[in-house]
Amino acid sequence: QVQLVESGGGLVQSGGSLRLSCTAAGVTVDDEHIGWYRQAPGQERQGLACISRIEGRTYYVDSVKGRFDISRDNARNTVYLQMNNLKPGDKAIYYCAIKSRGCAGGAANWGRGTQVTVYA
């Protein structure tokens, strides 16, 4: 059974950093394209970053480029999202998901998410 579990969220002051983890079971992270998303209250889910299978190419939405970094630890079967210079507008529930048709494709096997709150 495929399962993704997010962790690492929390409460952080504006300008601070957090590192989110997406730990997989039932799949091997370097065999999958895996994306990070977030959903703020009253807003649609937004794609943030993706890391491709095998080569590990990374892609970012413009709003987080230069602040967020997606990476992978194959030994831990985990994908990370390092978030720096956080802003109150980054407050959301953060999710990871498998993008079986590539980083430009749709997502499935969503985790339950981890809450990130940024205060001024």
Protein backbone atom coordinates (compact mmCIF):
# COMPACT_ATOMS: atom_id res chain seq x y z
CA GLN A 1 0.00 0.00 0.00
CA VAL A 2 1.36 3.39 -1.02
CA GLN A 3 1.46 5.94 1.79
CA LEU A 4 3.05 9.36 2.12
CA VAL A 5 3.40 10.98 5.54
CA GLU A 6 4.26 14.65 5.96
CA SER A 7 5.90 16.08 9.07
CA GLY A 8 7.91 19.05 10.23
CA GLY A 9 5.31 21.76 10.24
CA GLY A 10 4.88 24.16 13.10
CA LEU A 11 4.75 27.75 14.28
CA VAL A 12 7.56 30.04 13.13
CA GLN A 13 8.23 33.75 13.15
CA SER A 14 8.36 35.67 9.88
CA GLY A 15 11.82 35.32 8.36
CA GLY A 16 12.35 31.93 9.95
CA SER A 17 12.83 28.50 8.42
CA LEU A 18 11.26 25.06 8.54
CA ARG A 19 12.12 21.78 6.89
CA LEU A 20 9.21 19.57 5.94
CA SER A 21 9.58 15.83 5.40
CA CYS A 22 7.59 13.50 3.18
CA THR A 23 8.32 9.89 4.10
CA ALA A 24 7.10 7.21 1.75
CA ALA A 25 5.99 3.63 2.26
CA GLY A 26 5.13 1.18 -0.49
CA VAL A 27 7.14 3.12 -3.09
CA THR A 28 10.74 4.17 -3.53
CA VAL A 29 11.05 7.95 -3.71
CA ASP A 30 13.75 7.97 -6.39
CA ASP A 31 11.45 5.93 -8.66
CA GLU A 32 8.70 8.57 -8.45
CA HIS A 33 8.13 12.19 -9.34
CA ILE A 34 7.09 13.78 -6.04
CA GLY A 35 5.60 17.20 -5.53
CA TRP A 36 4.91 19.53 -2.62
CA TYR A 37 1.68 21.49 -2.45
CA ARG A 38 -0.05 23.77 0.00
CA GLN A 39 -3.59 24.88 0.71
CA ALA A 40 -4.40 28.00 2.64
CA PRO A 41 -7.86 28.54 4.20
CA GLY A 42 -10.41 29.42 1.55
CA GLN A 43 -7.96 28.89 -1.29
CA GLU A 44 -7.30 26.15 -3.81
CA ARG A 45 -4.43 23.75 -3.42
CA GLN A 46 -1.28 25.17 -5.01
CA GLY A 47 1.68 23.27 -6.42
CA LEU A 48 5.00 24.53 -5.07
CA ALA A 49 7.84 22.27 -6.11
CA CYS A 50 8.57 18.92 -7.69
CA ILE A 51 11.54 16.58 -7.89
CA SER A 52 11.73 14.19 -10.81
CA ARG A 53 12.41 10.49 -10.59
CA ILE A 54 15.94 9.17 -11.10
CA GLU A 55 17.68 12.40 -12.25
CA GLY A 56 16.23 14.46 -9.41
CA ARG A 57 15.53 17.54 -11.51
CA THR A 58 13.76 20.19 -9.48
CA TYR A 59 11.00 22.61 -10.42
CA TYR A 60 9.48 25.51 -8.47
CA VAL A 61 6.58 27.86 -8.76
CA ASP A 62 7.74 31.47 -9.03
CA SER A 63 6.37 32.50 -5.64
CA VAL A 64 8.76 30.20 -3.76
CA LYS A 65 11.73 30.15 -6.12
CA GLY A 66 14.87 31.15 -4.21
CA ARG A 67 13.23 30.57 -0.80
CA PHE A 68 12.20 26.90 -0.94
CA ASP A 69 14.38 23.93 -1.82
CA ILE A 70 13.16 20.39 -2.59
CA SER A 71 15.52 17.49 -2.09
CA ARG A 72 15.54 13.74 -1.64
CA ASP A 73 17.24 11.27 0.70
CA ASN A 74 17.02 7.84 -0.89
CA ALA A 75 18.40 6.07 2.18
CA ARG A 76 15.55 7.48 4.28
CA ASN A 77 13.03 7.18 1.43
CA THR A 78 12.10 10.78 2.17
CA VAL A 79 11.61 13.97 0.19
CA TYR A 80 12.22 17.28 1.95
CA LEU A 81 11.04 20.84 1.47
CA GLN A 82 13.41 23.35 3.05
CA MET A 83 11.57 26.63 3.51
CA ASN A 84 13.53 29.80 4.27
CA ASN A 85 12.54 33.43 4.81
CA LEU A 86 8.99 32.39 5.62
CA LYS A 87 6.26 34.98 5.40
CA PRO A 88 2.77 35.16 6.93
CA GLY A 89 1.40 34.40 3.46
CA ASP A 90 3.08 31.00 3.60
CA LYS A 91 0.63 29.88 6.28
CA ALA A 92 -1.11 26.76 4.96
CA ILE A 93 -1.39 23.01 5.21
CA TYR A 94 1.46 21.48 3.22
CA TYR A 95 1.06 18.20 1.36
CA CYS A 96 3.22 15.90 -0.71
CA ALA A 97 1.97 13.66 -3.48
CA ILE A 98 3.14 11.34 -6.23
CA LYS A 99 2.98 12.74 -9.75
CA SER A 100 2.96 9.55 -11.77
CA ARG A 101 2.98 11.26 -15.19
CA GLY A 102 5.81 13.64 -14.45
CA CYS A 103 6.23 16.93 -12.65
CA ALA A 104 3.88 18.64 -15.11
CA GLY A 105 1.16 16.04 -14.57
CA GLY A 106 -1.49 15.44 -11.96
CA ALA A 107 -0.97 14.17 -8.43
CA ALA A 108 -2.27 11.26 -6.39
CA ASN A 109 -1.56 9.35 -3.17
CA TRP A 110 -1.82 12.50 -1.07
CA GLY A 111 -0.56 12.57 2.48
CA ARG A 112 -2.64 14.09 5.28
CA GLY A 113 -0.59 17.25 5.38
CA THR A 114 1.32 19.23 7.97
CA GLN A 115 0.32 22.66 9.23
CA VAL A 116 2.67 25.63 8.82
CA THR A 117 1.86 28.89 10.59
CA VAL A 118 3.99 32.01 10.21
CA TYR A 119 3.46 34.98 12.52
CA ALA A 120 4.71 38.50 12.02
